[in-house]
Amino acid sequence: MSNSIELRKNMPLLAANEGVWEGIYRYYDAVTGELTDAHKSRLICRIPEDGKPSDYHQTNYYFWADGKSETREFPANYRDGRIWWDNDLIKGWAAAMQPDDNNLSTCLNWVRKGQDNVYLYEMIQVDEAVKNRARTWQWFRDGVCFMRTLIDEKFVTADWQNWTDFEEPKNISF
């Protein structure tokens, strides 16, 4: 059995998130509660049938109000009931939240490479139709939470294979 088939079978919530998502990332100082950054995003989440370049691949496009933009690639591989990242930016995993009687939550843990003693936990919750999702990152340094990221996203399309719009999302405002 190929990894894409196993991944879809064993991580159905992750598979249901496959497609294009648009939203807003907001970063907050954990001590003061001050908003320190905000930007629009478009994420393309895919499970390539051939496992190339990886079993799961996510491309994140970020757009700031000042015109700055950034693209990041997050290839991951499936094993042991999780997807695993290990790239230049992060090392970590994602798995279905256990227990979650509604099967609407995913948990991630990763370390940020090049930042001493920095790690985070991410919670992703979707609605039952998997059309809206809320993500929360809790950033820790030396065991103390120093930042939180709140991400609100809307599902655009499952057809990531034919997605060609790489411009800033127009239907999202701060």
N, C-alpha and C. Protein backbone atom coordinates (compact mmCIF):
# COMPACT_ATOMS: atom_id res chain seq x y z
N MET A 1 0.84 -1.17 0.00
CA MET A 1 0.00 0.00 0.00
C MET A 1 0.89 1.24 0.00
N SER A 2 0.57 2.22 -0.87
CA SER A 2 1.39 3.43 -0.95
C SER A 2 1.15 4.30 0.27
N ASN A 3 2.11 5.17 0.54
CA ASN A 3 1.98 6.07 1.69
C ASN A 3 0.79 7.01 1.55
N SER A 4 0.46 7.46 0.32
CA SER A 4 -0.68 8.37 0.16
C SER A 4 -1.98 7.66 0.53
N ILE A 5 -2.11 6.40 0.19
CA ILE A 5 -3.30 5.63 0.55
C ILE A 5 -3.36 5.43 2.06
N GLU A 6 -2.24 5.06 2.67
CA GLU A 6 -2.19 4.89 4.13
C GLU A 6 -2.47 6.21 4.84
N LEU A 7 -1.88 7.30 4.35
CA LEU A 7 -2.10 8.60 4.96
C LEU A 7 -3.59 8.96 4.90
N ARG A 8 -4.22 8.81 3.75
CA ARG A 8 -5.65 9.13 3.62
C ARG A 8 -6.51 8.25 4.53
N LYS A 9 -6.13 6.98 4.66
CA LYS A 9 -6.89 6.05 5.49
C LYS A 9 -6.71 6.35 6.98
N ASN A 10 -5.47 6.59 7.40
CA ASN A 10 -5.16 6.73 8.82
C ASN A 10 -5.24 8.16 9.34
N MET A 11 -5.25 9.14 8.42
CA MET A 11 -5.36 10.55 8.81
C MET A 11 -6.46 11.23 7.98
N PRO A 12 -7.71 10.77 8.12
CA PRO A 12 -8.78 11.30 7.28
C PRO A 12 -9.03 12.79 7.46
N LEU A 13 -8.82 13.33 8.64
CA LEU A 13 -9.03 14.76 8.83
C LEU A 13 -7.98 15.56 8.07
N LEU A 14 -6.75 15.13 8.12
CA LEU A 14 -5.70 15.80 7.35
C LEU A 14 -6.04 15.72 5.86
N ALA A 15 -6.47 14.56 5.40
CA ALA A 15 -6.84 14.40 3.99
C ALA A 15 -8.01 15.31 3.61
N ALA A 16 -8.95 15.50 4.52
CA ALA A 16 -10.09 16.37 4.26
C ALA A 16 -9.68 17.84 4.12
N ASN A 17 -8.52 18.20 4.66
CA ASN A 17 -8.01 19.57 4.56
C ASN A 17 -7.25 19.82 3.26
N GLU A 18 -7.14 18.81 2.43
CA GLU A 18 -6.40 18.95 1.17
C GLU A 18 -7.09 19.98 0.28
N GLY A 19 -6.30 20.91 -0.24
CA GLY A 19 -6.83 21.96 -1.11
C GLY A 19 -6.20 23.29 -0.81
N VAL A 20 -6.91 24.36 -1.18
CA VAL A 20 -6.41 25.72 -1.05
C VAL A 20 -7.19 26.42 0.07
N TRP A 21 -6.46 27.07 0.97
CA TRP A 21 -7.02 27.80 2.10
C TRP A 21 -6.49 29.23 2.07
N GLU A 22 -7.34 30.21 2.43
CA GLU A 22 -6.91 31.60 2.55
C GLU A 22 -7.29 32.12 3.92
N GLY A 23 -6.43 32.99 4.47
CA GLY A 23 -6.73 33.50 5.79
C GLY A 23 -5.81 34.60 6.25
N ILE A 24 -5.81 34.78 7.57
CA ILE A 24 -5.00 35.82 8.21
C ILE A 24 -4.24 35.21 9.38
N TYR A 25 -2.95 35.51 9.45
CA TYR A 25 -2.10 35.16 10.59
C TYR A 25 -1.97 36.41 11.45
N ARG A 26 -2.13 36.25 12.76
CA ARG A 26 -1.93 37.34 13.71
C ARG A 26 -1.01 36.84 14.83
N TYR A 27 0.06 37.58 15.08
CA TYR A 27 1.04 37.22 16.11
C TYR A 27 0.90 38.18 17.29
N TYR A 28 0.88 37.60 18.51
CA TYR A 28 0.71 38.38 19.73
C TYR A 28 1.83 38.08 20.72
N ASP A 29 2.30 39.13 21.41
CA ASP A 29 3.22 38.96 22.51
C ASP A 29 2.45 38.29 23.65
N ALA A 30 2.97 37.19 24.18
CA ALA A 30 2.26 36.43 25.21
C ALA A 30 2.19 37.17 26.55
N VAL A 31 3.10 38.09 26.80
CA VAL A 31 3.10 38.82 28.07
C VAL A 31 2.19 40.03 28.01
N THR A 32 2.33 40.84 26.97
CA THR A 32 1.58 42.10 26.89
C THR A 32 0.26 41.96 26.14
N GLY A 33 0.13 40.91 25.32
CA GLY A 33 -1.07 40.75 24.49
C GLY A 33 -1.05 41.63 23.25
N GLU A 34 0.05 42.35 23.04
CA GLU A 34 0.16 43.27 21.91
C GLU A 34 0.28 42.50 20.59
N LEU A 35 -0.45 42.98 19.57
CA LEU A 35 -0.34 42.44 18.22
C LEU A 35 1.01 42.87 17.66
N THR A 36 1.86 41.90 17.26
CA THR A 36 3.20 42.23 16.78
C THR A 36 3.36 42.05 15.27
N ASP A 37 2.43 41.30 14.64
CA ASP A 37 2.50 41.10 13.20
C ASP A 37 1.14 40.57 12.73
N ALA A 38 0.79 40.91 11.50
CA ALA A 38 -0.41 40.36 10.88
C ALA A 38 -0.18 40.33 9.37
N HIS A 39 -0.61 39.26 8.74
CA HIS A 39 -0.50 39.17 7.29
C HIS A 39 -1.50 38.17 6.73
N LYS A 40 -1.83 38.35 5.45
CA LYS A 40 -2.72 37.43 4.75
C LYS A 40 -1.94 36.19 4.35
N SER A 41 -2.69 35.11 4.08
CA SER A 41 -2.03 33.88 3.67
C SER A 41 -2.87 33.11 2.66
N ARG A 42 -2.18 32.30 1.91
CA ARG A 42 -2.81 31.29 1.05
C ARG A 42 -1.97 30.04 1.22
N LEU A 43 -2.61 28.94 1.60
CA LEU A 43 -1.92 27.67 1.78
C LEU A 43 -2.45 26.67 0.78
N ILE A 44 -1.55 25.95 0.16
CA ILE A 44 -1.93 24.85 -0.73
C ILE A 44 -1.46 23.57 -0.07
N CYS A 45 -2.45 22.77 0.36
CA CYS A 45 -2.19 21.52 1.09
C CYS A 45 -2.48 20.36 0.15
N ARG A 46 -1.52 19.47 -0.03
CA ARG A 46 -1.72 18.39 -1.00
C ARG A 46 -1.09 17.09 -0.55
N ILE A 47 -1.70 16.03 -1.04
CA ILE A 47 -1.20 14.67 -0.82
C ILE A 47 -0.95 14.09 -2.21
N PRO A 48 0.26 14.24 -2.72
CA PRO A 48 0.54 13.74 -4.07
C PRO A 48 0.41 12.21 -4.13
N GLU A 49 -0.30 11.73 -5.11
CA GLU A 49 -0.54 10.28 -5.24
C GLU A 49 0.76 9.51 -5.44
N ASP A 50 1.75 10.14 -6.08
CA ASP A 50 3.00 9.45 -6.35
C ASP A 50 4.03 9.63 -5.23
N GLY A 51 3.65 10.37 -4.18
CA GLY A 51 4.57 10.59 -3.06
C GLY A 51 5.73 11.51 -3.39
N LYS A 52 5.62 12.26 -4.49
CA LYS A 52 6.71 13.14 -4.92
C LYS A 52 6.23 14.57 -4.90
N PRO A 53 6.96 15.48 -4.31
CA PRO A 53 8.27 15.31 -3.71
C PRO A 53 8.22 14.72 -2.30
N SER A 54 6.98 14.50 -1.79
CA SER A 54 6.82 13.96 -0.43
C SER A 54 5.42 13.38 -0.31
N ASP A 55 5.13 12.75 0.82
CA ASP A 55 3.80 12.17 1.03
C ASP A 55 2.75 13.25 1.25
N TYR A 56 3.16 14.33 1.88
CA TYR A 56 2.30 15.51 2.11
C TYR A 56 3.14 16.71 1.76
N HIS A 57 2.54 17.70 1.12
CA HIS A 57 3.31 18.89 0.76
C HIS A 57 2.42 20.11 0.92
N GLN A 58 2.94 21.08 1.66
CA GLN A 58 2.19 22.31 1.89
C GLN A 58 3.05 23.48 1.44
N THR A 59 2.46 24.36 0.64
CA THR A 59 3.12 25.58 0.21
C THR A 59 2.36 26.74 0.83
N ASN A 60 3.07 27.58 1.57
CA ASN A 60 2.46 28.73 2.22
C ASN A 60 2.91 30.01 1.52
N TYR A 61 1.94 30.83 1.13
CA TYR A 61 2.19 32.14 0.55
C TYR A 61 1.72 33.17 1.57
N TYR A 62 2.61 34.11 1.92
CA TYR A 62 2.29 35.14 2.90
C TYR A 62 2.35 36.51 2.23
N PHE A 63 1.43 37.41 2.62
CA PHE A 63 1.30 38.73 2.02
C PHE A 63 1.09 39.78 3.12
N TRP A 64 2.01 40.73 3.25
CA TRP A 64 1.90 41.79 4.23
C TRP A 64 1.33 43.05 3.57
N ALA A 65 0.75 43.91 4.38
CA ALA A 65 0.12 45.14 3.89
C ALA A 65 1.12 46.08 3.21
N ASP A 66 2.40 46.01 3.59
CA ASP A 66 3.42 46.90 3.00
C ASP A 66 3.94 46.39 1.66
N GLY A 67 3.36 45.28 1.14
CA GLY A 67 3.78 44.75 -0.15
C GLY A 67 4.75 43.59 -0.07
N LYS A 68 5.31 43.35 1.10
CA LYS A 68 6.22 42.22 1.28
C LYS A 68 5.45 40.91 1.08
N SER A 69 6.12 39.93 0.49
CA SER A 69 5.52 38.60 0.36
C SER A 69 6.61 37.55 0.55
N GLU A 70 6.17 36.35 0.87
CA GLU A 70 7.10 35.26 1.14
C GLU A 70 6.41 33.94 0.80
N THR A 71 7.21 32.99 0.31
CA THR A 71 6.71 31.64 0.02
C THR A 71 7.57 30.65 0.77
N ARG A 72 6.90 29.69 1.44
CA ARG A 72 7.62 28.64 2.16
C ARG A 72 7.07 27.28 1.78
N GLU A 73 7.96 26.33 1.61
CA GLU A 73 7.60 24.96 1.25
C GLU A 73 7.77 24.06 2.47
N PHE A 74 6.75 23.20 2.70
CA PHE A 74 6.78 22.29 3.83
C PHE A 74 6.47 20.86 3.39
N PRO A 75 7.46 20.17 2.81
CA PRO A 75 7.25 18.76 2.48
C PRO A 75 7.30 17.92 3.76
N ALA A 76 6.49 16.88 3.81
CA ALA A 76 6.46 16.00 4.98
C ALA A 76 6.24 14.57 4.52
N ASN A 77 6.65 13.64 5.34
CA ASN A 77 6.45 12.22 5.02
C ASN A 77 5.61 11.55 6.10
N TYR A 78 4.89 10.52 5.69
CA TYR A 78 3.99 9.82 6.58
C TYR A 78 4.64 8.54 7.12
N ARG A 79 4.54 8.36 8.45
CA ARG A 79 4.91 7.09 9.08
C ARG A 79 4.37 7.09 10.51
N ASP A 80 4.08 5.93 11.00
CA ASP A 80 3.65 5.74 12.38
C ASP A 80 2.43 6.58 12.75
N GLY A 81 1.51 6.77 11.80
CA GLY A 81 0.27 7.50 12.10
C GLY A 81 0.40 9.01 12.16
N ARG A 82 1.54 9.55 11.73
CA ARG A 82 1.78 10.99 11.75
C ARG A 82 2.43 11.43 10.45
N ILE A 83 2.37 12.71 10.17
CA ILE A 83 3.23 13.26 9.13
C ILE A 83 4.38 13.96 9.85
N TRP A 84 5.56 13.87 9.26
CA TRP A 84 6.80 14.35 9.86
C TRP A 84 7.49 15.35 8.94
N TRP A 85 7.87 16.49 9.51
CA TRP A 85 8.64 17.50 8.79
C TRP A 85 10.08 17.47 9.27
N ASP A 86 10.99 17.73 8.35
CA ASP A 86 12.39 17.96 8.69
C ASP A 86 12.99 18.70 7.50
N ASN A 87 12.95 20.04 7.58
CA ASN A 87 13.48 20.86 6.50
C ASN A 87 14.35 21.96 7.10
N ASP A 88 14.71 22.95 6.31
CA ASP A 88 15.60 24.01 6.78
C ASP A 88 14.98 24.87 7.88
N LEU A 89 13.64 24.94 7.95
CA LEU A 89 12.97 25.81 8.90
C LEU A 89 12.47 25.09 10.16
N ILE A 90 11.87 23.91 9.97
CA ILE A 90 11.26 23.23 11.12
C ILE A 90 11.54 21.73 11.12
N LYS A 91 11.38 21.14 12.31
CA LYS A 91 11.41 19.70 12.48
C LYS A 91 10.29 19.36 13.44
N GLY A 92 9.40 18.45 13.04
CA GLY A 92 8.29 18.11 13.93
C GLY A 92 7.28 17.19 13.27
N TRP A 93 6.08 17.15 13.85
CA TRP A 93 5.08 16.19 13.42
C TRP A 93 3.67 16.77 13.54
N ALA A 94 2.72 16.12 12.88
CA ALA A 94 1.29 16.42 13.00
C ALA A 94 0.56 15.10 13.15
N ALA A 95 -0.48 15.09 14.01
CA ALA A 95 -1.29 13.88 14.24
C ALA A 95 -2.70 14.29 14.62
N ALA A 96 -3.62 13.37 14.42
CA ALA A 96 -4.99 13.60 14.88
C ALA A 96 -4.98 13.76 16.39
N MET A 97 -5.77 14.68 16.89
CA MET A 97 -5.87 14.90 18.33
C MET A 97 -6.60 13.74 18.98
N GLN A 98 -6.00 13.18 20.00
CA GLN A 98 -6.62 12.06 20.71
C GLN A 98 -6.79 12.40 22.17
N PRO A 99 -7.91 12.19 22.79
CA PRO A 99 -9.14 11.84 22.10
C PRO A 99 -9.86 13.09 21.61
N ASP A 100 -10.52 12.99 20.51
CA ASP A 100 -11.40 14.04 19.99
C ASP A 100 -12.62 13.32 19.42
N ASP A 101 -13.65 13.23 20.21
CA ASP A 101 -14.84 12.48 19.82
C ASP A 101 -15.48 12.99 18.54
N ASN A 102 -15.23 14.27 18.21
CA ASN A 102 -15.80 14.84 16.99
C ASN A 102 -14.89 14.73 15.77
N ASN A 103 -13.65 14.30 15.98
CA ASN A 103 -12.67 14.16 14.89
C ASN A 103 -12.53 15.44 14.07
N LEU A 104 -12.38 16.56 14.77
CA LEU A 104 -12.25 17.86 14.11
C LEU A 104 -10.95 18.58 14.48
N SER A 105 -10.05 17.91 15.21
CA SER A 105 -8.85 18.57 15.72
C SER A 105 -7.57 17.83 15.34
N THR A 106 -6.56 18.62 15.04
CA THR A 106 -5.22 18.10 14.74
C THR A 106 -4.23 18.81 15.66
N CYS A 107 -3.22 18.10 16.10
CA CYS A 107 -2.18 18.67 16.96
C CYS A 107 -0.83 18.57 16.24
N LEU A 108 -0.04 19.61 16.33
CA LEU A 108 1.30 19.62 15.76
C LEU A 108 2.29 20.04 16.83
N ASN A 109 3.50 19.56 16.70
CA ASN A 109 4.61 19.99 17.54
C ASN A 109 5.82 20.12 16.65
N TRP A 110 6.49 21.26 16.73
CA TRP A 110 7.72 21.41 15.98
C TRP A 110 8.67 22.39 16.63
N VAL A 111 9.93 22.22 16.29
CA VAL A 111 10.97 23.13 16.73
C VAL A 111 11.36 23.99 15.54
N ARG A 112 11.71 25.21 15.83
CA ARG A 112 12.15 26.14 14.80
C ARG A 112 13.66 26.04 14.73
N LYS A 113 14.19 25.58 13.62
CA LYS A 113 15.64 25.42 13.49
C LYS A 113 16.33 26.78 13.52
N GLY A 114 17.50 26.82 14.15
CA GLY A 114 18.27 28.04 14.23
C GLY A 114 17.84 28.96 15.35
N GLN A 115 16.83 28.58 16.14
CA GLN A 115 16.39 29.38 17.28
C GLN A 115 16.52 28.49 18.52
N ASP A 116 17.51 28.79 19.35
CA ASP A 116 17.80 27.95 20.51
C ASP A 116 16.58 27.80 21.42
N ASN A 117 16.27 26.56 21.72
CA ASN A 117 15.24 26.22 22.70
C ASN A 117 13.86 26.78 22.37
N VAL A 118 13.54 26.97 21.07
CA VAL A 118 12.22 27.45 20.66
C VAL A 118 11.45 26.29 20.05
N TYR A 119 10.26 26.07 20.58
CA TYR A 119 9.37 25.06 20.03
C TYR A 119 7.95 25.56 20.14
N LEU A 120 7.04 24.92 19.43
CA LEU A 120 5.65 25.31 19.55
C LEU A 120 4.74 24.12 19.39
N TYR A 121 3.55 24.31 19.92
CA TYR A 121 2.44 23.38 19.72
C TYR A 121 1.37 24.12 18.94
N GLU A 122 0.80 23.44 17.97
CA GLU A 122 -0.27 24.02 17.17
C GLU A 122 -1.51 23.16 17.29
N MET A 123 -2.64 23.82 17.45
CA MET A 123 -3.93 23.15 17.43
C MET A 123 -4.69 23.65 16.21
N ILE A 124 -5.25 22.72 15.45
CA ILE A 124 -6.08 23.09 14.30
C ILE A 124 -7.47 22.51 14.53
N GLN A 125 -8.47 23.37 14.49
CA GLN A 125 -9.85 22.92 14.58
C GLN A 125 -10.59 23.35 13.32
N VAL A 126 -11.39 22.43 12.78
CA VAL A 126 -12.20 22.73 11.60
C VAL A 126 -13.67 22.57 11.96
N ASP A 127 -14.52 23.20 11.13
CA ASP A 127 -15.95 22.96 11.31
C ASP A 127 -16.29 21.61 10.65
N GLU A 128 -17.50 21.14 10.88
CA GLU A 128 -17.87 19.81 10.38
C GLU A 128 -17.81 19.70 8.87
N ALA A 129 -18.02 20.81 8.16
CA ALA A 129 -17.97 20.79 6.70
C ALA A 129 -16.54 20.96 6.17
N VAL A 130 -15.58 21.20 7.04
CA VAL A 130 -14.17 21.47 6.70
C VAL A 130 -14.08 22.62 5.69
N LYS A 131 -14.80 23.70 6.01
CA LYS A 131 -14.78 24.92 5.18
C LYS A 131 -14.16 26.10 5.92
N ASN A 132 -14.08 25.99 7.24
CA ASN A 132 -13.48 27.02 8.09
C ASN A 132 -12.57 26.32 9.08
N ARG A 133 -11.44 26.96 9.35
CA ARG A 133 -10.57 26.39 10.38
C ARG A 133 -9.91 27.51 11.17
N ALA A 134 -9.65 27.19 12.42
CA ALA A 134 -8.95 28.10 13.34
C ALA A 134 -7.72 27.36 13.84
N ARG A 135 -6.60 28.05 13.78
CA ARG A 135 -5.34 27.46 14.21
C ARG A 135 -4.73 28.34 15.29
N THR A 136 -4.16 27.72 16.30
CA THR A 136 -3.51 28.43 17.39
C THR A 136 -2.12 27.86 17.60
N TRP A 137 -1.12 28.73 17.59
CA TRP A 137 0.25 28.33 17.89
C TRP A 137 0.61 28.91 19.24
N GLN A 138 1.20 28.08 20.10
CA GLN A 138 1.76 28.53 21.37
C GLN A 138 3.27 28.36 21.26
N TRP A 139 3.99 29.47 21.24
CA TRP A 139 5.44 29.48 21.09
C TRP A 139 6.10 29.46 22.47
N PHE A 140 7.10 28.59 22.65
CA PHE A 140 7.82 28.48 23.91
C PHE A 140 9.32 28.64 23.69
N ARG A 141 9.95 29.32 24.63
CA ARG A 141 11.42 29.41 24.66
C ARG A 141 11.82 29.04 26.08
N ASP A 142 12.67 28.03 26.20
CA ASP A 142 13.11 27.55 27.52
C ASP A 142 11.91 27.24 28.42
N GLY A 143 10.85 26.70 27.84
CA GLY A 143 9.68 26.27 28.61
C GLY A 143 8.69 27.37 28.96
N VAL A 144 8.92 28.61 28.51
CA VAL A 144 8.02 29.72 28.82
C VAL A 144 7.36 30.22 27.54
N CYS A 145 6.04 30.35 27.56
CA CYS A 145 5.32 30.86 26.39
C CYS A 145 5.65 32.33 26.18
N PHE A 146 6.14 32.68 24.98
CA PHE A 146 6.49 34.06 24.71
C PHE A 146 5.69 34.68 23.57
N MET A 147 4.96 33.85 22.80
CA MET A 147 4.21 34.38 21.68
C MET A 147 3.06 33.42 21.36
N ARG A 148 1.98 33.99 20.82
CA ARG A 148 0.86 33.20 20.33
C ARG A 148 0.51 33.67 18.93
N THR A 149 0.18 32.72 18.08
CA THR A 149 -0.25 33.04 16.73
C THR A 149 -1.66 32.51 16.57
N LEU A 150 -2.55 33.37 16.09
CA LEU A 150 -3.93 32.98 15.79
C LEU A 150 -4.13 33.07 14.29
N ILE A 151 -4.66 32.01 13.71
CA ILE A 151 -4.84 31.94 12.26
C ILE A 151 -6.29 31.57 11.98
N ASP A 152 -6.96 32.38 11.17
CA ASP A 152 -8.34 32.10 10.74
C ASP A 152 -8.31 31.90 9.24
N GLU A 153 -8.89 30.76 8.77
CA GLU A 153 -8.81 30.43 7.35
C GLU A 153 -10.16 29.94 6.83
N LYS A 154 -10.35 30.17 5.53
CA LYS A 154 -11.52 29.68 4.81
C LYS A 154 -11.04 28.80 3.67
N PHE A 155 -11.79 27.73 3.44
CA PHE A 155 -11.48 26.80 2.35
C PHE A 155 -11.89 27.44 1.03
N VAL A 156 -11.02 27.37 0.02
CA VAL A 156 -11.29 27.96 -1.29
C VAL A 156 -11.68 26.89 -2.29
N THR A 157 -10.86 25.84 -2.41
CA THR A 157 -11.13 24.78 -3.37
C THR A 157 -10.31 23.53 -3.04
N ALA A 158 -10.85 22.38 -3.39
CA ALA A 158 -10.11 21.13 -3.25
C ALA A 158 -9.18 20.90 -4.44
N ASP A 159 -9.39 21.66 -5.52
CA ASP A 159 -8.67 21.45 -6.77
C ASP A 159 -7.31 22.15 -6.76
N TRP A 160 -6.41 21.68 -5.89
CA TRP A 160 -5.09 22.28 -5.82
C TRP A 160 -4.27 22.03 -7.07
N GLN A 161 -4.56 20.94 -7.80
CA GLN A 161 -3.78 20.59 -9.00
C GLN A 161 -3.88 21.67 -10.08
N ASN A 162 -5.04 22.36 -10.16
CA ASN A 162 -5.25 23.37 -11.20
C ASN A 162 -5.22 24.79 -10.66
N TRP A 163 -4.75 24.97 -9.44
CA TRP A 163 -4.70 26.30 -8.86
C TRP A 163 -3.61 27.12 -9.51
N THR A 164 -3.95 28.31 -9.99
CA THR A 164 -2.96 29.15 -10.68
C THR A 164 -2.90 30.57 -10.15
N ASP A 165 -3.74 30.93 -9.19
CA ASP A 165 -3.78 32.30 -8.67
C ASP A 165 -2.78 32.44 -7.53
N PHE A 166 -1.67 33.09 -7.81
CA PHE A 166 -0.65 33.26 -6.78
C PHE A 166 -0.53 34.72 -6.33
N GLU A 167 -1.55 35.51 -6.66
CA GLU A 167 -1.61 36.90 -6.21
C GLU A 167 -2.17 36.95 -4.79
N GLU A 168 -2.02 38.10 -4.16
CA GLU A 168 -2.54 38.31 -2.81
C GLU A 168 -4.05 38.09 -2.78
N PRO A 169 -4.55 37.38 -1.77
CA PRO A 169 -6.01 37.18 -1.66
C PRO A 169 -6.71 38.54 -1.55
N LYS A 170 -7.75 38.76 -2.34
CA LYS A 170 -8.46 40.04 -2.36
C LYS A 170 -9.65 40.07 -1.42
N ASN A 171 -10.20 38.91 -1.10
CA ASN A 171 -11.44 38.85 -0.32
C ASN A 171 -11.20 38.80 1.18
N ILE A 172 -9.97 39.11 1.63
CA ILE A 172 -9.63 39.04 3.05
C ILE A 172 -9.15 40.43 3.47
N SER A 173 -9.65 40.90 4.61
CA SER A 173 -9.17 42.17 5.12
C SER A 173 -8.82 42.03 6.60
N PHE A 174 -7.99 42.93 7.08
CA PHE A 174 -7.55 42.90 8.47
C PHE A 174 -8.61 43.54 9.35
